[in-house]
C-alpha cells in the first residue's frame, strides 16, 4: 500500500466534524466563562474550571450523536465509559495545549497568539486520534460497524 492509498484512508470528513464540534466547545466555554466572571463576579479560576467541564460535556454529546454516531455500542454503560474516556483524553489534550503553547511562547519566543494556535493544533490531533482509537474505537463485531 502506497502513501497515496494511506492518505485516502484518513477519516478527513470525521476529522472536520470533530473540529466543528471543538469550535462549538469554544463558544460554550466562553458563553459560560464570560457571564460568570463579568456579570456574576465568580473567580476566574472557578469560572474557567466550570466552563471547561461543561464544554467537554457538550463536545462529548455532539461527538456521540454526530461525529462518531456509527461507533456507539454498549447502551448506557458504553456511553458512560466513552464519557469517562473522553474526559481523560480532553484533560490530556488541555495539558498538551498548555505545554506546547508555553514551550512556543516562553522558550521559542513565538508570539503568544500564534503559540496558542500551535498548542491547539497539537492538542486537536491528540484528541482526535485518541478518541478515534480509544473512546469510540471500532467494534470487532461486524454488525456494530455496519453503519460505518
Protein backbone atom coordinates (compact mmCIF):
# COMPACT_ATOMS: atom_id res chain seq x y z
CA UNK A 1 0.00 0.00 0.00
CA UNK A 2 1.49 3.31 -1.10
CA UNK A 3 1.43 6.69 0.61
CA UNK A 4 -1.45 7.89 -1.59
CA UNK A 5 -3.54 4.89 -0.57
CA UNK A 6 -2.86 5.61 3.09
CA UNK A 7 -3.88 9.25 2.62
CA UNK A 8 -7.19 8.19 1.09
CA UNK A 9 -7.89 6.08 4.18
CA UNK A 10 -7.62 9.05 6.54
CA UNK A 11 -11.01 9.92 8.05
CA UNK A 12 -10.98 13.52 6.80
CA UNK A 13 -14.76 14.04 6.98
CA UNK A 14 -14.82 12.70 10.55
CA UNK A 15 -11.88 14.94 11.48
CA UNK A 16 -13.67 18.00 10.07
CA UNK A 17 -16.78 17.13 12.10
CA UNK A 18 -14.59 16.73 15.17
CA UNK A 19 -13.09 20.18 14.56
CA UNK A 20 -16.55 21.74 14.10
CA UNK A 21 -17.63 20.24 17.42
CA UNK A 22 -14.46 21.61 19.01
CA UNK A 23 -15.33 25.06 17.67
CA UNK A 24 -18.75 24.82 19.27
CA UNK A 25 -16.97 23.93 22.52
CA UNK A 26 -15.10 27.22 22.39
CA UNK A 27 -18.44 29.03 22.08
CA UNK A 28 -19.86 27.09 25.05
CA UNK A 29 -16.71 27.74 27.07
CA UNK A 30 -16.83 31.50 26.54
CA UNK A 31 -20.63 31.50 26.85
CA UNK A 32 -20.24 30.25 30.41
CA UNK A 33 -16.94 31.85 31.42
CA UNK A 34 -17.69 35.43 30.39
CA UNK A 35 -21.09 35.83 32.11
CA UNK A 36 -19.80 34.15 35.26
CA UNK A 37 -16.77 36.43 35.50
CA UNK A 38 -18.19 39.65 34.04
CA UNK A 39 -21.73 39.69 35.43
CA UNK A 40 -21.77 37.38 38.41
CA UNK A 41 -18.32 38.09 39.89
CA UNK A 42 -17.24 34.44 40.01
CA UNK A 43 -13.48 33.96 40.40
CA UNK A 44 -11.73 33.36 37.07
CA UNK A 45 -10.26 30.04 38.20
CA UNK A 46 -13.65 28.72 39.29
CA UNK A 47 -15.44 30.01 36.21
CA UNK A 48 -12.78 28.52 33.92
CA UNK A 49 -12.95 25.10 35.58
CA UNK A 50 -16.74 25.08 35.27
CA UNK A 51 -16.74 26.32 31.67
CA UNK A 52 -14.15 23.72 30.64
CA UNK A 53 -16.10 20.90 32.32
CA UNK A 54 -19.34 21.93 30.59
CA UNK A 55 -17.69 22.41 27.18
CA UNK A 56 -16.11 18.97 27.42
CA UNK A 57 -19.56 17.52 28.17
CA UNK A 58 -21.23 19.30 25.24
CA UNK A 59 -18.36 18.27 22.95
CA UNK A 60 -18.82 14.67 24.05
CA UNK A 61 -22.56 14.75 23.40
CA UNK A 62 -22.15 16.30 19.94
CA UNK A 63 -19.39 13.86 19.01
CA UNK A 64 -21.52 11.00 20.32
CA UNK A 65 -24.53 11.86 18.16
CA UNK A 66 -22.77 13.28 15.10
CA UNK A 67 -19.04 12.63 14.64
CA UNK A 68 -18.94 9.06 15.95
CA UNK A 69 -22.62 8.04 15.78
CA UNK A 70 -21.72 4.89 13.85
CA UNK A 71 -19.48 3.70 16.71
CA UNK A 72 -21.91 3.86 19.62
CA UNK A 73 -22.16 0.49 21.31
CA UNK A 74 -22.87 -0.90 24.75
CA UNK A 75 -26.02 1.06 25.66
CA UNK A 76 -25.92 3.34 28.70
CA UNK A 77 -22.87 1.62 30.18
CA UNK A 78 -21.00 2.09 26.91
CA UNK A 79 -21.96 5.75 26.81
CA UNK A 80 -20.71 6.31 30.38
CA UNK A 81 -17.45 4.51 29.55
CA UNK A 82 -16.99 6.72 26.47
CA UNK A 83 -17.77 9.84 28.51
CA UNK A 84 -15.09 8.94 31.06
CA UNK A 85 -12.58 8.24 28.32
CA UNK A 86 -13.48 11.48 26.54
CA UNK A 87 -12.84 13.48 29.72
CA UNK A 88 -9.47 11.78 30.22
CA UNK A 89 -8.43 12.42 26.61
CA UNK A 90 -9.65 16.02 26.82
CA UNK A 91 -7.73 16.68 30.03
CA UNK A 92 -4.62 15.23 28.40
CA UNK A 93 -5.27 17.46 25.40
CA UNK A 94 -5.60 20.50 27.65
CA UNK A 95 -2.25 19.69 29.26
CA UNK A 96 -0.67 19.24 25.83
CA UNK A 97 -2.12 22.53 24.59
CA UNK A 98 -0.79 24.37 27.63
CA UNK A 99 2.64 22.74 27.43
CA UNK A 100 3.11 23.26 23.70
CA UNK A 101 1.84 26.84 23.91
CA UNK A 102 4.20 27.68 26.76
CA UNK A 103 7.11 25.96 25.00
CA UNK A 104 6.48 28.01 21.87
CA UNK A 105 5.92 31.25 23.76
CA UNK A 106 8.48 31.09 26.57
CA UNK A 107 11.30 29.09 25.00
CA UNK A 108 10.95 29.64 21.27
CA UNK A 109 9.77 33.25 21.68
CA UNK A 110 6.85 32.81 19.29
CA UNK A 111 4.09 35.42 19.58
CA UNK A 112 1.60 34.26 22.22
CA UNK A 113 -1.37 34.30 19.81
CA UNK A 114 0.45 32.01 17.41
CA UNK A 115 1.78 29.87 20.26
CA UNK A 116 -1.77 29.22 21.46
CA UNK A 117 -2.82 28.20 17.94
CA UNK A 118 0.12 25.78 17.70
CA UNK A 119 -0.88 24.31 21.05
CA UNK A 120 -4.49 23.94 19.91
CA UNK A 121 -3.35 22.23 16.71
CA UNK A 122 -1.22 19.67 18.53
CA UNK A 123 -3.92 19.05 21.14
CA UNK A 124 -6.59 18.67 18.44
CA UNK A 125 -4.53 15.99 16.71
CA UNK A 126 -4.02 14.20 20.06
CA UNK A 127 -7.71 14.45 20.96
CA UNK A 128 -8.91 13.21 17.57
CA UNK A 129 -6.55 10.25 17.33
CA UNK A 130 -7.15 9.04 20.88
CA UNK A 131 -10.90 9.49 20.65
CA UNK A 132 -10.96 7.71 17.29
CA UNK A 133 -8.85 4.78 18.50
CA UNK A 134 -9.91 4.54 22.16
CA UNK A 135 -13.08 6.42 23.13
CA UNK A 136 -15.05 5.47 20.02
CA UNK A 137 -12.89 2.57 18.86
CA UNK A 138 -14.21 0.45 16.05
CA UNK A 139 -16.04 -2.59 17.30
CA UNK A 140 -14.63 -6.01 16.47
CA UNK A 141 -18.17 -7.19 15.72
CA UNK A 142 -19.16 -6.59 12.06
CA UNK A 143 -22.80 -5.78 12.90
CA UNK A 144 -21.65 -2.89 15.11
CA UNK A 145 -19.73 -1.33 12.23
CA UNK A 146 -22.44 -1.79 9.61
CA UNK A 147 -23.40 1.90 9.86
CA UNK A 148 -19.80 2.99 9.19
